[in-house]
Amino acid sequence: TRVLPPRVIPYIVDLLGADECDSGKESLLLRGMRGVVATWTTSGHVAR
């Protein structure tokens, strides 16, 4: 939901990747990327 300076994004991705999830649980990074993919792939996002 935010538009952040490009230099901030690597810190966010790195923090998500640092999450230590239990075996069998989805990582926080993967969960975040699923949300990004769900938005990025919609025609509404591309158009508007």
All heavy atoms as atom14 arrays in JSON, in Angstrom:
{
  "sequence": "TRVLPPRVIPYIVDLLGADECDSGKESLLLRGMRGVVATWTTSGHVAR",
  "atom14_mask": [
    [1, 1, 1, 1, 1, 1, 1, 0, 0, 0, 0, 0, 0, 0],
    [1, 1, 1, 1, 1, 1, 1, 1, 1, 1, 1, 0, 0, 0],
    [1, 1, 1, 1, 1, 1, 1, 0, 0, 0, 0, 0, 0, 0],
    [1, 1, 1, 1, 1, 1, 1, 1, 0, 0, 0, 0, 0, 0],
    [1, 1, 1, 1, 1, 1, 1, 0, 0, 0, 0, 0, 0, 0],
    [1, 1, 1, 1, 1, 1, 1, 0, 0, 0, 0, 0, 0, 0],
    [1, 1, 1, 1, 1, 1, 1, 1, 1, 1, 1, 0, 0, 0],
    [1, 1, 1, 1, 1, 1, 1, 0, 0, 0, 0, 0, 0, 0],
    [1, 1, 1, 1, 1, 1, 1, 1, 0, 0, 0, 0, 0, 0],
    [1, 1, 1, 1, 1, 1, 1, 0, 0, 0, 0, 0, 0, 0],
    [1, 1, 1, 1, 1, 1, 1, 1, 1, 1, 1, 1, 0, 0],
    [1, 1, 1, 1, 1, 1, 1, 1, 0, 0, 0, 0, 0, 0],
    [1, 1, 1, 1, 1, 1, 1, 0, 0, 0, 0, 0, 0, 0],
    [1, 1, 1, 1, 1, 1, 1, 1, 0, 0, 0, 0, 0, 0],
    [1, 1, 1, 1, 1, 1, 1, 1, 0, 0, 0, 0, 0, 0],
    [1, 1, 1, 1, 1, 1, 1, 1, 0, 0, 0, 0, 0, 0],
    [1, 1, 1, 1, 0, 0, 0, 0, 0, 0, 0, 0, 0, 0],
    [1, 1, 1, 1, 1, 0, 0, 0, 0, 0, 0, 0, 0, 0],
    [1, 1, 1, 1, 1, 1, 1, 1, 0, 0, 0, 0, 0, 0],
    [1, 1, 1, 1, 1, 1, 1, 1, 1, 0, 0, 0, 0, 0],
    [1, 1, 1, 1, 1, 1, 0, 0, 0, 0, 0, 0, 0, 0],
    [1, 1, 1, 1, 1, 1, 1, 1, 0, 0, 0, 0, 0, 0],
    [1, 1, 1, 1, 1, 1, 0, 0, 0, 0, 0, 0, 0, 0],
    [1, 1, 1, 1, 0, 0, 0, 0, 0, 0, 0, 0, 0, 0],
    [1, 1, 1, 1, 1, 1, 1, 1, 1, 0, 0, 0, 0, 0],
    [1, 1, 1, 1, 1, 1, 1, 1, 1, 0, 0, 0, 0, 0],
    [1, 1, 1, 1, 1, 1, 0, 0, 0, 0, 0, 0, 0, 0],
    [1, 1, 1, 1, 1, 1, 1, 1, 0, 0, 0, 0, 0, 0],
    [1, 1, 1, 1, 1, 1, 1, 1, 0, 0, 0, 0, 0, 0],
    [1, 1, 1, 1, 1, 1, 1, 1, 0, 0, 0, 0, 0, 0],
    [1, 1, 1, 1, 1, 1, 1, 1, 1, 1, 1, 0, 0, 0],
    [1, 1, 1, 1, 0, 0, 0, 0, 0, 0, 0, 0, 0, 0],
    [1, 1, 1, 1, 1, 1, 1, 1, 0, 0, 0, 0, 0, 0],
    [1, 1, 1, 1, 1, 1, 1, 1, 1, 1, 1, 0, 0, 0],
    [1, 1, 1, 1, 0, 0, 0, 0, 0, 0, 0, 0, 0, 0],
    [1, 1, 1, 1, 1, 1, 1, 0, 0, 0, 0, 0, 0, 0],
    [1, 1, 1, 1, 1, 1, 1, 0, 0, 0, 0, 0, 0, 0],
    [1, 1, 1, 1, 1, 0, 0, 0, 0, 0, 0, 0, 0, 0],
    [1, 1, 1, 1, 1, 1, 1, 0, 0, 0, 0, 0, 0, 0],
    [1, 1, 1, 1, 1, 1, 1, 1, 1, 1, 1, 1, 1, 1],
    [1, 1, 1, 1, 1, 1, 1, 0, 0, 0, 0, 0, 0, 0],
    [1, 1, 1, 1, 1, 1, 1, 0, 0, 0, 0, 0, 0, 0],
    [1, 1, 1, 1, 1, 1, 0, 0, 0, 0, 0, 0, 0, 0],
    [1, 1, 1, 1, 0, 0, 0, 0, 0, 0, 0, 0, 0, 0],
    [1, 1, 1, 1, 1, 1, 1, 1, 1, 1, 0, 0, 0, 0],
    [1, 1, 1, 1, 1, 1, 1, 0, 0, 0, 0, 0, 0, 0],
    [1, 1, 1, 1, 1, 0, 0, 0, 0, 0, 0, 0, 0, 0],
    [1, 1, 1, 1, 1, 1, 1, 1, 1, 1, 1, 0, 0, 0]
  ],
  "atom14_positions": [
    [[0.8, -1.23, 0.0], [0.0, 0.0, 0.0], [0.83, 1.28, 0.0], [0.26, 2.36, -0.03], [-0.95, 0.03, 1.21], [-0.18, 0.16, 2.42], [-1.79, -1.23, 1.27], [0.0, 0.0, 0.0], [0.0, 0.0, 0.0], [0.0, 0.0, 0.0], [0.0, 0.0, 0.0], [0.0, 0.0, 0.0], [0.0, 0.0, 0.0], [0.0, 0.0, 0.0]],
    [[2.12, 1.16, 0.04], [2.96, 2.34, 0.11], [3.83, 2.45, -1.14], [4.04, 1.47, -1.86], [3.87, 2.26, 1.35], [3.12, 2.06, 2.64], [2.39, 3.31, 3.07], [3.32, 4.37, 3.4], [3.95, 4.47, 4.58], [3.74, 3.57, 5.52], [4.78, 5.45, 4.81], [0.0, 0.0, 0.0], [0.0, 0.0, 0.0], [0.0, 0.0, 0.0]],
    [[4.31, 3.65, -1.39], [5.31, 3.88, -2.43], [6.54, 4.41, -1.71], [6.6, 5.58, -1.33], [4.84, 4.86, -3.5], [5.94, 5.08, -4.53], [3.57, 4.35, -4.18], [0.0, 0.0, 0.0], [0.0, 0.0, 0.0], [0.0, 0.0, 0.0], [0.0, 0.0, 0.0], [0.0, 0.0, 0.0], [0.0, 0.0, 0.0], [0.0, 0.0, 0.0]],
    [[7.52, 3.55, -1.5], [8.7, 3.9, -0.72], [9.88, 4.18, -1.64], [9.92, 3.74, -2.78], [9.05, 2.75, 0.22], [7.98, 2.4, 1.26], [8.35, 1.12, 1.98], [7.82, 3.54, 2.26], [0.0, 0.0, 0.0], [0.0, 0.0, 0.0], [0.0, 0.0, 0.0], [0.0, 0.0, 0.0], [0.0, 0.0, 0.0], [0.0, 0.0, 0.0]],
    [[10.87, 4.92, -1.14], [12.09, 5.13, -1.93], [12.7, 3.78, -2.32], [12.69, 2.84, -1.51], [13.0, 5.91, -0.97], [12.07, 6.58, -0.01], [10.92, 5.64, 0.15], [0.0, 0.0, 0.0], [0.0, 0.0, 0.0], [0.0, 0.0, 0.0], [0.0, 0.0, 0.0], [0.0, 0.0, 0.0], [0.0, 0.0, 0.0], [0.0, 0.0, 0.0]],
    [[13.23, 3.67, -3.53], [13.78, 2.37, -3.98], [14.82, 1.79, -3.03], [14.92, 0.56, -2.89], [14.4, 2.72, -5.34], [13.6, 3.89, -5.83], [13.26, 4.68, -4.59], [0.0, 0.0, 0.0], [0.0, 0.0, 0.0], [0.0, 0.0, 0.0], [0.0, 0.0, 0.0], [0.0, 0.0, 0.0], [0.0, 0.0, 0.0], [0.0, 0.0, 0.0]],
    [[15.58, 2.65, -2.35], [16.63, 2.14, -1.46], [16.07, 1.47, -0.21], [16.79, 0.75, 0.5], [17.56, 3.28, -1.05], [18.46, 3.78, -2.18], [19.37, 4.89, -1.72], [18.63, 6.07, -1.31], [19.17, 7.17, -0.81], [20.48, 7.24, -0.66], [18.43, 8.21, -0.46], [0.0, 0.0, 0.0], [0.0, 0.0, 0.0], [0.0, 0.0, 0.0]],
    [[14.77, 1.69, 0.08], [14.17, 1.08, 1.28], [13.77, -0.38, 1.02], [13.8, -1.21, 1.92], [12.94, 1.9, 1.72], [12.18, 1.19, 2.85], [13.38, 3.29, 2.18], [0.0, 0.0, 0.0], [0.0, 0.0, 0.0], [0.0, 0.0, 0.0], [0.0, 0.0, 0.0], [0.0, 0.0, 0.0], [0.0, 0.0, 0.0], [0.0, 0.0, 0.0]],
    [[13.41, -0.7, -0.22], [12.83, -2.01, -0.53], [13.78, -3.17, -0.19], [13.33, -4.18, 0.37], [12.38, -2.06, -2.0], [11.31, -1.0, -2.24], [11.83, -3.44, -2.35], [10.89, -0.85, -3.68], [0.0, 0.0, 0.0], [0.0, 0.0, 0.0], [0.0, 0.0, 0.0], [0.0, 0.0, 0.0], [0.0, 0.0, 0.0], [0.0, 0.0, 0.0]],
    [[15.08, -3.08, -0.48], [15.96, -4.2, -0.09], [15.95, -4.49, 1.41], [16.09, -5.65, 1.82], [17.34, -3.75, -0.56], [17.06, -2.79, -1.68], [15.81, -2.08, -1.27], [0.0, 0.0, 0.0], [0.0, 0.0, 0.0], [0.0, 0.0, 0.0], [0.0, 0.0, 0.0], [0.0, 0.0, 0.0], [0.0, 0.0, 0.0], [0.0, 0.0, 0.0]],
    [[15.79, -3.46, 2.23], [15.73, -3.68, 3.68], [14.48, -4.47, 4.05], [14.52, -5.36, 4.91], [15.74, -2.34, 4.42], [17.03, -1.58, 4.33], [17.17, -0.52, 3.44], [18.13, -1.91, 5.12], [18.36, 0.19, 3.34], [19.33, -1.21, 5.04], [19.44, -0.16, 4.14], [20.61, 0.54, 4.04], [0.0, 0.0, 0.0], [0.0, 0.0, 0.0]],
    [[13.35, -4.14, 3.41], [12.11, -4.86, 3.71], [12.24, -6.32, 3.32], [11.9, -7.22, 4.1], [10.93, -4.21, 2.95], [10.73, -2.76, 3.42], [9.66, -5.01, 3.14], [9.69, -2.0, 2.63], [0.0, 0.0, 0.0], [0.0, 0.0, 0.0], [0.0, 0.0, 0.0], [0.0, 0.0, 0.0], [0.0, 0.0, 0.0], [0.0, 0.0, 0.0]],
    [[12.74, -6.58, 2.12], [12.9, -7.96, 1.65], [13.86, -8.72, 2.57], [13.62, -9.88, 2.92], [13.39, -7.98, 0.19], [13.75, -9.4, -0.24], [12.31, -7.41, -0.73], [0.0, 0.0, 0.0], [0.0, 0.0, 0.0], [0.0, 0.0, 0.0], [0.0, 0.0, 0.0], [0.0, 0.0, 0.0], [0.0, 0.0, 0.0], [0.0, 0.0, 0.0]],
    [[14.93, -8.08, 2.98], [15.91, -8.74, 3.84], [15.3, -9.07, 5.2], [15.54, -10.16, 5.76], [17.14, -7.86, 4.02], [18.26, -8.57, 4.76], [18.87, -9.47, 4.17], [18.5, -8.22, 5.94], [0.0, 0.0, 0.0], [0.0, 0.0, 0.0], [0.0, 0.0, 0.0], [0.0, 0.0, 0.0], [0.0, 0.0, 0.0], [0.0, 0.0, 0.0]],
    [[14.5, -8.15, 5.75], [13.84, -8.42, 7.03], [12.88, -9.59, 6.93], [12.82, -10.45, 7.81], [13.1, -7.17, 7.51], [13.93, -6.06, 8.15], [13.06, -4.85, 8.43], [14.59, -6.55, 9.43], [0.0, 0.0, 0.0], [0.0, 0.0, 0.0], [0.0, 0.0, 0.0], [0.0, 0.0, 0.0], [0.0, 0.0, 0.0], [0.0, 0.0, 0.0]],
    [[12.12, -9.63, 5.84], [11.18, -10.74, 5.64], [11.94, -12.06, 5.52], [11.5, -13.09, 6.04], [10.33, -10.51, 4.4], [9.33, -9.35, 4.47], [8.67, -9.13, 3.12], [8.28, -9.61, 5.54], [0.0, 0.0, 0.0], [0.0, 0.0, 0.0], [0.0, 0.0, 0.0], [0.0, 0.0, 0.0], [0.0, 0.0, 0.0], [0.0, 0.0, 0.0]],
    [[13.06, -12.03, 4.84], [13.86, -13.24, 4.66], [14.53, -13.69, 5.93], [14.94, -14.86, 6.04], [0.0, 0.0, 0.0], [0.0, 0.0, 0.0], [0.0, 0.0, 0.0], [0.0, 0.0, 0.0], [0.0, 0.0, 0.0], [0.0, 0.0, 0.0], [0.0, 0.0, 0.0], [0.0, 0.0, 0.0], [0.0, 0.0, 0.0], [0.0, 0.0, 0.0]],
    [[14.67, -12.8, 6.91], [15.33, -13.15, 8.17], [14.39, -13.86, 9.14], [14.83, -14.36, 10.17], [15.89, -11.9, 8.84], [0.0, 0.0, 0.0], [0.0, 0.0, 0.0], [0.0, 0.0, 0.0], [0.0, 0.0, 0.0], [0.0, 0.0, 0.0], [0.0, 0.0, 0.0], [0.0, 0.0, 0.0], [0.0, 0.0, 0.0], [0.0, 0.0, 0.0]],
    [[13.1, -13.9, 8.81], [12.13, -14.54, 9.7], [12.43, -16.03, 9.83], [12.62, -16.73, 8.83], [10.71, -14.35, 9.15], [9.67, -15.05, 10.0], [9.63, -14.79, 11.21], [8.9, -15.86, 9.44], [0.0, 0.0, 0.0], [0.0, 0.0, 0.0], [0.0, 0.0, 0.0], [0.0, 0.0, 0.0], [0.0, 0.0, 0.0], [0.0, 0.0, 0.0]],
    [[12.48, -16.51, 11.06], [12.76, -17.92, 11.32], [11.44, -18.65, 11.58], [10.91, -18.64, 12.69], [13.69, -18.05, 12.53], [15.05, -17.4, 12.32], [15.92, -17.48, 13.56], [15.43, -17.99, 14.59], [17.07, -17.02, 13.5], [0.0, 0.0, 0.0], [0.0, 0.0, 0.0], [0.0, 0.0, 0.0], [0.0, 0.0, 0.0], [0.0, 0.0, 0.0]],
    [[10.9, -19.26, 10.53], [9.62, -19.96, 10.68], [9.85, -21.42, 11.05], [10.9, -22.0, 10.75], [8.8, -19.86, 9.4], [9.58, -20.63, 7.96], [0.0, 0.0, 0.0], [0.0, 0.0, 0.0], [0.0, 0.0, 0.0], [0.0, 0.0, 0.0], [0.0, 0.0, 0.0], [0.0, 0.0, 0.0], [0.0, 0.0, 0.0], [0.0, 0.0, 0.0]],
    [[8.85, -22.0, 11.69], [8.94, -23.42, 12.05], [8.89, -24.27, 10.79], [8.35, -23.87, 9.76], [7.79, -23.8, 12.97], [7.86, -23.09, 14.32], [8.99, -22.74, 14.71], [6.81, -22.86, 14.93], [0.0, 0.0, 0.0], [0.0, 0.0, 0.0], [0.0, 0.0, 0.0], [0.0, 0.0, 0.0], [0.0, 0.0, 0.0], [0.0, 0.0, 0.0]],
    [[9.46, -25.46, 10.88], [9.45, -26.39, 9.76], [8.01, -26.67, 9.33], [7.14, -26.94, 10.16], [10.15, -27.69, 10.15], [10.1, -28.62, 9.09], [0.0, 0.0, 0.0], [0.0, 0.0, 0.0], [0.0, 0.0, 0.0], [0.0, 0.0, 0.0], [0.0, 0.0, 0.0], [0.0, 0.0, 0.0], [0.0, 0.0, 0.0], [0.0, 0.0, 0.0]],
    [[7.76, -26.59, 8.04], [6.43, -26.84, 7.52], [5.57, -25.61, 7.4], [4.52, -25.63, 6.75], [0.0, 0.0, 0.0], [0.0, 0.0, 0.0], [0.0, 0.0, 0.0], [0.0, 0.0, 0.0], [0.0, 0.0, 0.0], [0.0, 0.0, 0.0], [0.0, 0.0, 0.0], [0.0, 0.0, 0.0], [0.0, 0.0, 0.0], [0.0, 0.0, 0.0]],
    [[5.97, -24.51, 8.05], [5.2, -23.27, 7.96], [5.74, -22.41, 6.82], [6.92, -22.42, 6.52], [5.28, -22.49, 9.28], [4.53, -23.13, 10.43], [4.59, -22.26, 11.67], [3.86, -20.94, 11.48], [3.83, -20.15, 12.73], [0.0, 0.0, 0.0], [0.0, 0.0, 0.0], [0.0, 0.0, 0.0], [0.0, 0.0, 0.0], [0.0, 0.0, 0.0]],
    [[4.85, -21.65, 6.21], [5.24, -20.77, 5.12], [6.06, -19.61, 5.67], [5.68, -18.99, 6.67], [3.98, -20.26, 4.41], [4.24, -19.5, 3.14], [2.96, -19.23, 2.38], [2.3, -18.21, 2.68], [2.61, -20.05, 1.51], [0.0, 0.0, 0.0], [0.0, 0.0, 0.0], [0.0, 0.0, 0.0], [0.0, 0.0, 0.0], [0.0, 0.0, 0.0]],
    [[7.16, -19.29, 5.01], [8.01, -18.2, 5.48], [7.29, -16.86, 5.31], [6.41, -16.7, 4.47], [9.33, -18.18, 4.71], [9.12, -17.79, 3.36], [0.0, 0.0, 0.0], [0.0, 0.0, 0.0], [0.0, 0.0, 0.0], [0.0, 0.0, 0.0], [0.0, 0.0, 0.0], [0.0, 0.0, 0.0], [0.0, 0.0, 0.0], [0.0, 0.0, 0.0]],
    [[7.7, -15.91, 6.12], [7.11, -14.57, 6.04], [7.42, -13.93, 4.69], [6.6, -13.2, 4.12], [7.64, -13.7, 7.18], [6.92, -12.37, 7.44], [5.45, -12.61, 7.73], [7.57, -11.64, 8.6], [0.0, 0.0, 0.0], [0.0, 0.0, 0.0], [0.0, 0.0, 0.0], [0.0, 0.0, 0.0], [0.0, 0.0, 0.0], [0.0, 0.0, 0.0]],
    [[8.6, -14.22, 4.14], [8.96, -13.69, 2.83], [8.04, -14.25, 1.75], [7.54, -13.5, 0.9], [10.42, -14.01, 2.51], [10.92, -13.56, 1.12], [10.75, -12.06, 0.93], [12.38, -13.96, 0.93], [0.0, 0.0, 0.0], [0.0, 0.0, 0.0], [0.0, 0.0, 0.0], [0.0, 0.0, 0.0], [0.0, 0.0, 0.0], [0.0, 0.0, 0.0]],
    [[7.8, -15.54, 1.78], [6.91, -16.14, 0.78], [5.5, -15.61, 0.93], [4.83, -15.32, -0.07], [6.92, -17.66, 0.91], [6.01, -18.42, -0.07], [6.34, -18.07, -1.52], [6.14, -19.93, 0.15], [0.0, 0.0, 0.0], [0.0, 0.0, 0.0], [0.0, 0.0, 0.0], [0.0, 0.0, 0.0], [0.0, 0.0, 0.0], [0.0, 0.0, 0.0]],
    [[5.05, -15.45, 2.17], [3.71, -14.91, 2.39], [3.61, -13.49, 1.83], [2.63, -13.12, 1.18], [3.4, -14.89, 3.89], [1.94, -14.63, 4.22], [1.74, -14.5, 5.71], [2.44, -15.55, 6.45], [2.61, -15.52, 7.76], [2.16, -14.5, 8.47], [3.25, -16.51, 8.37], [0.0, 0.0, 0.0], [0.0, 0.0, 0.0], [0.0, 0.0, 0.0]],
    [[4.65, -12.68, 2.08], [4.64, -11.33, 1.54], [4.65, -11.31, 0.03], [3.96, -10.52, -0.61], [0.0, 0.0, 0.0], [0.0, 0.0, 0.0], [0.0, 0.0, 0.0], [0.0, 0.0, 0.0], [0.0, 0.0, 0.0], [0.0, 0.0, 0.0], [0.0, 0.0, 0.0], [0.0, 0.0, 0.0], [0.0, 0.0, 0.0], [0.0, 0.0, 0.0]],
    [[5.45, -12.21, -0.57], [5.52, -12.25, -2.02], [4.22, -12.74, -2.64], [3.84, -12.3, -3.73], [6.68, -13.14, -2.46], [8.06, -12.53, -2.24], [8.25, -10.9, -3.06], [8.15, -9.82, -1.61], [0.0, 0.0, 0.0], [0.0, 0.0, 0.0], [0.0, 0.0, 0.0], [0.0, 0.0, 0.0], [0.0, 0.0, 0.0], [0.0, 0.0, 0.0]],
    [[3.5, -13.62, -1.96], [2.2, -14.05, -2.48], [1.26, -12.84, -2.58], [0.49, -12.71, -3.54], [1.59, -15.12, -1.57], [2.24, -16.48, -1.69], [1.36, -17.55, -1.05], [2.06, -18.81, -0.93], [2.26, -19.66, -1.92], [1.81, -19.37, -3.14], [2.91, -20.79, -1.72], [0.0, 0.0, 0.0], [0.0, 0.0, 0.0], [0.0, 0.0, 0.0]],
    [[1.3, -11.99, -1.57], [0.47, -10.78, -1.61], [0.87, -9.86, -2.74], [0.01, -9.29, -3.43], [0.0, 0.0, 0.0], [0.0, 0.0, 0.0], [0.0, 0.0, 0.0], [0.0, 0.0, 0.0], [0.0, 0.0, 0.0], [0.0, 0.0, 0.0], [0.0, 0.0, 0.0], [0.0, 0.0, 0.0], [0.0, 0.0, 0.0], [0.0, 0.0, 0.0]],
    [[2.18, -9.69, -2.93], [2.66, -8.84, -4.02], [2.24, -9.42, -5.37], [1.76, -8.69, -6.25], [4.19, -8.69, -3.95], [4.72, -7.97, -5.19], [4.6, -7.94, -2.69], [0.0, 0.0, 0.0], [0.0, 0.0, 0.0], [0.0, 0.0, 0.0], [0.0, 0.0, 0.0], [0.0, 0.0, 0.0], [0.0, 0.0, 0.0], [0.0, 0.0, 0.0]],
    [[2.4, -10.71, -5.54], [2.02, -11.36, -6.8], [0.53, -11.2, -7.06], [0.1, -10.9, -8.19], [2.41, -12.86, -6.79], [1.81, -13.59, -7.97], [3.93, -12.99, -6.8], [0.0, 0.0, 0.0], [0.0, 0.0, 0.0], [0.0, 0.0, 0.0], [0.0, 0.0, 0.0], [0.0, 0.0, 0.0], [0.0, 0.0, 0.0], [0.0, 0.0, 0.0]],
    [[-0.29, -11.4, -6.02], [-1.74, -11.3, -6.19], [-2.15, -9.92, -6.68], [-3.1, -9.78, -7.45], [-2.44, -11.63, -4.87], [0.0, 0.0, 0.0], [0.0, 0.0, 0.0], [0.0, 0.0, 0.0], [0.0, 0.0, 0.0], [0.0, 0.0, 0.0], [0.0, 0.0, 0.0], [0.0, 0.0, 0.0], [0.0, 0.0, 0.0], [0.0, 0.0, 0.0]],
    [[-1.43, -8.89, -6.23], [-1.75, -7.53, -6.68], [-1.13, -7.23, -8.03], [-1.79, -6.69, -8.93], [-1.24, -6.51, -5.64], [-1.88, -6.75, -4.39], [-1.54, -5.08, -6.09], [0.0, 0.0, 0.0], [0.0, 0.0, 0.0], [0.0, 0.0, 0.0], [0.0, 0.0, 0.0], [0.0, 0.0, 0.0], [0.0, 0.0, 0.0], [0.0, 0.0, 0.0]],
    [[0.14, -7.59, -8.2], [0.88, -7.24, -9.42], [0.27, -7.86, -10.66], [0.36, -7.29, -11.75], [2.33, -7.7, -9.26], [3.26, -7.26, -10.35], [3.92, -6.04, -10.42], [3.64, -7.98, -11.51], [4.69, -6.0, -11.55], [4.54, -7.16, -12.24], [3.32, -9.24, -12.0], [5.12, -7.56, -13.44], [3.89, -9.65, -13.21], [4.77, -8.83, -13.92]],
    [[-0.35, -9.01, -10.54], [-0.85, -9.74, -11.69], [-2.24, -9.33, -12.14], [-2.71, -9.79, -13.18], [-0.86, -11.25, -11.4], [-1.64, -11.5, -10.22], [0.54, -11.79, -11.19], [0.0, 0.0, 0.0], [0.0, 0.0, 0.0], [0.0, 0.0, 0.0], [0.0, 0.0, 0.0], [0.0, 0.0, 0.0], [0.0, 0.0, 0.0], [0.0, 0.0, 0.0]],
    [[-2.93, -8.47, -11.41], [-4.3, -8.11, -11.77], [-4.33, -7.04, -12.86], [-3.5, -6.13, -12.9], [-5.09, -7.6, -10.56], [-4.48, -6.39, -10.07], [-5.1, -8.63, -9.44], [0.0, 0.0, 0.0], [0.0, 0.0, 0.0], [0.0, 0.0, 0.0], [0.0, 0.0, 0.0], [0.0, 0.0, 0.0], [0.0, 0.0, 0.0], [0.0, 0.0, 0.0]],
    [[-5.3, -7.16, -13.74], [-5.45, -6.16, -14.81], [-5.81, -4.8, -14.23], [-5.42, -3.77, -14.78], [-6.53, -6.62, -15.8], [-7.76, -6.84, -15.14], [0.0, 0.0, 0.0], [0.0, 0.0, 0.0], [0.0, 0.0, 0.0], [0.0, 0.0, 0.0], [0.0, 0.0, 0.0], [0.0, 0.0, 0.0], [0.0, 0.0, 0.0], [0.0, 0.0, 0.0]],
    [[-6.53, -4.78, -13.12], [-6.88, -3.51, -12.49], [-5.65, -2.76, -12.01], [-5.56, -1.53, -12.17], [0.0, 0.0, 0.0], [0.0, 0.0, 0.0], [0.0, 0.0, 0.0], [0.0, 0.0, 0.0], [0.0, 0.0, 0.0], [0.0, 0.0, 0.0], [0.0, 0.0, 0.0], [0.0, 0.0, 0.0], [0.0, 0.0, 0.0], [0.0, 0.0, 0.0]],
    [[-4.71, -3.47, -11.41], [-3.47, -2.82, -10.96], [-2.7, -2.27, -12.15], [-2.23, -1.13, -12.12], [-2.61, -3.84, -10.2], [-1.22, -3.36, -9.92], [-0.93, -2.45, -8.93], [-0.03, -3.66, -10.52], [0.37, -2.21, -8.92], [0.94, -2.93, -9.86], [0.0, 0.0, 0.0], [0.0, 0.0, 0.0], [0.0, 0.0, 0.0], [0.0, 0.0, 0.0]],
    [[-2.59, -3.06, -13.21], [-1.83, -2.63, -14.39], [-2.49, -1.42, -15.05], [-1.81, -0.5, -15.52], [-1.72, -3.79, -15.4], [-1.05, -3.33, -16.69], [-0.91, -4.94, -14.78], [0.0, 0.0, 0.0], [0.0, 0.0, 0.0], [0.0, 0.0, 0.0], [0.0, 0.0, 0.0], [0.0, 0.0, 0.0], [0.0, 0.0, 0.0], [0.0, 0.0, 0.0]],
    [[-3.81, -1.38, -15.05], [-4.52, -0.32, -15.75], [-4.65, 0.96, -14.93], [-4.63, 2.07, -15.49], [-5.91, -0.8, -16.17], [0.0, 0.0, 0.0], [0.0, 0.0, 0.0], [0.0, 0.0, 0.0], [0.0, 0.0, 0.0], [0.0, 0.0, 0.0], [0.0, 0.0, 0.0], [0.0, 0.0, 0.0], [0.0, 0.0, 0.0], [0.0, 0.0, 0.0]],
    [[-4.77, 0.82, -13.59], [-5.14, 2.0, -12.8], [-4.11, 2.45, -11.77], [-4.14, 3.6, -11.34], [-6.47, 1.72, -12.08], [-7.65, 1.6, -13.04], [-8.96, 1.52, -12.28], [-9.1, 0.27, -11.56], [-9.59, -0.84, -12.09], [-9.97, -0.85, -13.36], [-9.7, -1.94, -11.38], [0.0, 0.0, 0.0], [0.0, 0.0, 0.0], [0.0, 0.0, 0.0]]
  ]
}
